[in-house]
Protein backbone atom coordinates (compact mmCIF):
# COMPACT_ATOMS: atom_id res chain seq x y z
CA MET A 1 -18.86 -14.08 23.59
CA ASN A 2 -15.31 -13.16 24.27
CA ILE A 3 -12.62 -15.05 22.81
CA GLU A 4 -9.21 -14.32 23.27
CA TYR A 5 -5.87 -14.26 21.57
CA THR A 6 -2.66 -13.79 21.77
CA ALA A 7 0.24 -14.09 19.29
CA VAL A 8 2.81 -15.75 19.13
CA PRO A 9 5.76 -13.53 18.33
CA THR A 10 6.48 -14.40 14.55
CA MET A 11 2.14 -13.16 14.50
CA SER A 12 3.17 -10.32 16.65
CA GLN A 13 5.89 -8.95 14.25
CA LEU A 14 3.58 -9.74 11.10
CA HIS A 15 0.60 -7.99 12.85
CA HIS A 16 2.97 -5.27 14.05
CA SER A 17 3.95 -4.63 10.14
CA ASN A 18 1.94 -2.80 7.37
CA ALA A 19 3.70 -4.07 4.39
CA PHE A 20 1.41 -4.28 1.46
CA TYR A 21 2.74 -7.89 1.00
CA ARG A 22 3.52 -10.27 4.35
CA GLY A 23 3.79 -13.92 4.24
CA ILE A 24 4.34 -16.37 6.99
CA MET A 25 6.47 -19.27 7.44
CA GLY A 26 6.48 -22.60 10.10
CA PRO A 27 6.14 -25.81 10.88
CA VAL A 28 2.75 -27.10 11.09
CA ARG A 29 0.37 -26.41 14.08
CA SER A 30 2.18 -23.21 14.99
CA GLY A 31 -0.74 -21.10 14.56
CA LYS A 32 -0.45 -19.71 10.97
CA SER A 33 -3.69 -20.03 9.73
CA THR A 34 -5.04 -18.58 13.33
CA GLY A 35 -2.57 -15.41 13.24
CA CYS A 36 -3.55 -13.84 9.47
CA SER A 37 -7.30 -15.27 10.50
CA TRP A 38 -6.80 -12.95 13.21
CA GLU A 39 -4.66 -9.85 11.01
CA LEU A 40 -8.29 -9.95 9.02
CA TRP A 41 -10.52 -9.56 11.33
CA ARG A 42 -7.94 -6.58 12.92
CA ARG A 43 -7.58 -5.11 9.43
CA ALA A 44 -11.05 -5.18 9.05
CA ASN A 45 -12.47 -3.35 12.49
CA GLU A 46 -10.12 -0.92 11.70
CA GLN A 47 -11.31 0.21 8.43
CA LYS A 48 -13.51 3.29 8.34
CA PRO A 49 -17.33 1.90 7.52
CA MET A 50 -18.74 3.67 4.52
CA LYS A 51 -21.93 4.57 3.25
CA GLY A 52 -24.67 2.55 5.68
CA GLY A 53 -22.25 1.16 8.02
CA VAL A 54 -20.21 -1.38 5.76
CA ARG A 55 -16.69 -2.09 5.32
CA ARG A 56 -15.47 -2.97 1.78
CA THR A 57 -12.10 -4.96 1.42
CA ARG A 58 -9.92 -7.84 -0.41
CA PHE A 59 -7.65 -10.08 0.42
CA GLY A 60 -5.82 -12.46 -0.70
CA ILE A 61 -4.89 -15.37 0.95
CA ILE A 62 -2.69 -18.46 -0.34
CA ARG A 63 -1.53 -21.37 0.46
CA ASN A 64 0.42 -24.62 -1.10
CA CYS A 65 -1.98 -26.75 -3.91
CA TYR A 66 -0.95 -30.35 -3.54
CA ASP A 67 -3.00 -31.96 -5.91
CA ASP A 68 -4.98 -32.22 -9.15
CA GLN A 69 -8.38 -32.19 -6.68
CA THR A 70 -8.18 -30.04 -5.18
CA GLU A 71 -10.49 -27.22 -5.48
CA ILE A 72 -10.25 -23.10 -5.29
CA LEU A 73 -12.97 -20.93 -5.57
CA THR A 74 -12.75 -17.91 -7.94
CA GLU A 75 -14.41 -14.64 -8.25
CA ASN A 76 -15.86 -15.30 -11.91
CA ARG A 77 -15.79 -19.02 -12.19
CA GLY A 78 -17.11 -20.36 -8.72
CA TRP A 79 -15.55 -23.75 -7.91
CA GLN A 80 -12.08 -24.92 -10.63
CA LEU A 81 -10.24 -27.39 -9.57
CA PHE A 82 -6.75 -26.27 -9.31
CA LYS A 83 -5.29 -28.18 -12.09
CA ASP A 84 -7.89 -26.15 -14.34
CA LEU A 85 -6.86 -22.63 -13.51
């Protein structure tokens, strides 16, 4: 399967940054989520595999949560309502 991705200029800047913390903002449907997904994929593929060919890494993705009914997946407590965190 071939999937092509061409970054818009703002996402291209994000892809070229090695800063520990990076952020992106822009209008709805401008490609922010798609670009960030590609960035995770790119970073994961650049990482050297450890023993057994496994690549271990962690990423944090933070998005706006607007209401008390939004569920968040937590590492130790599973799915939790945003208001209960």
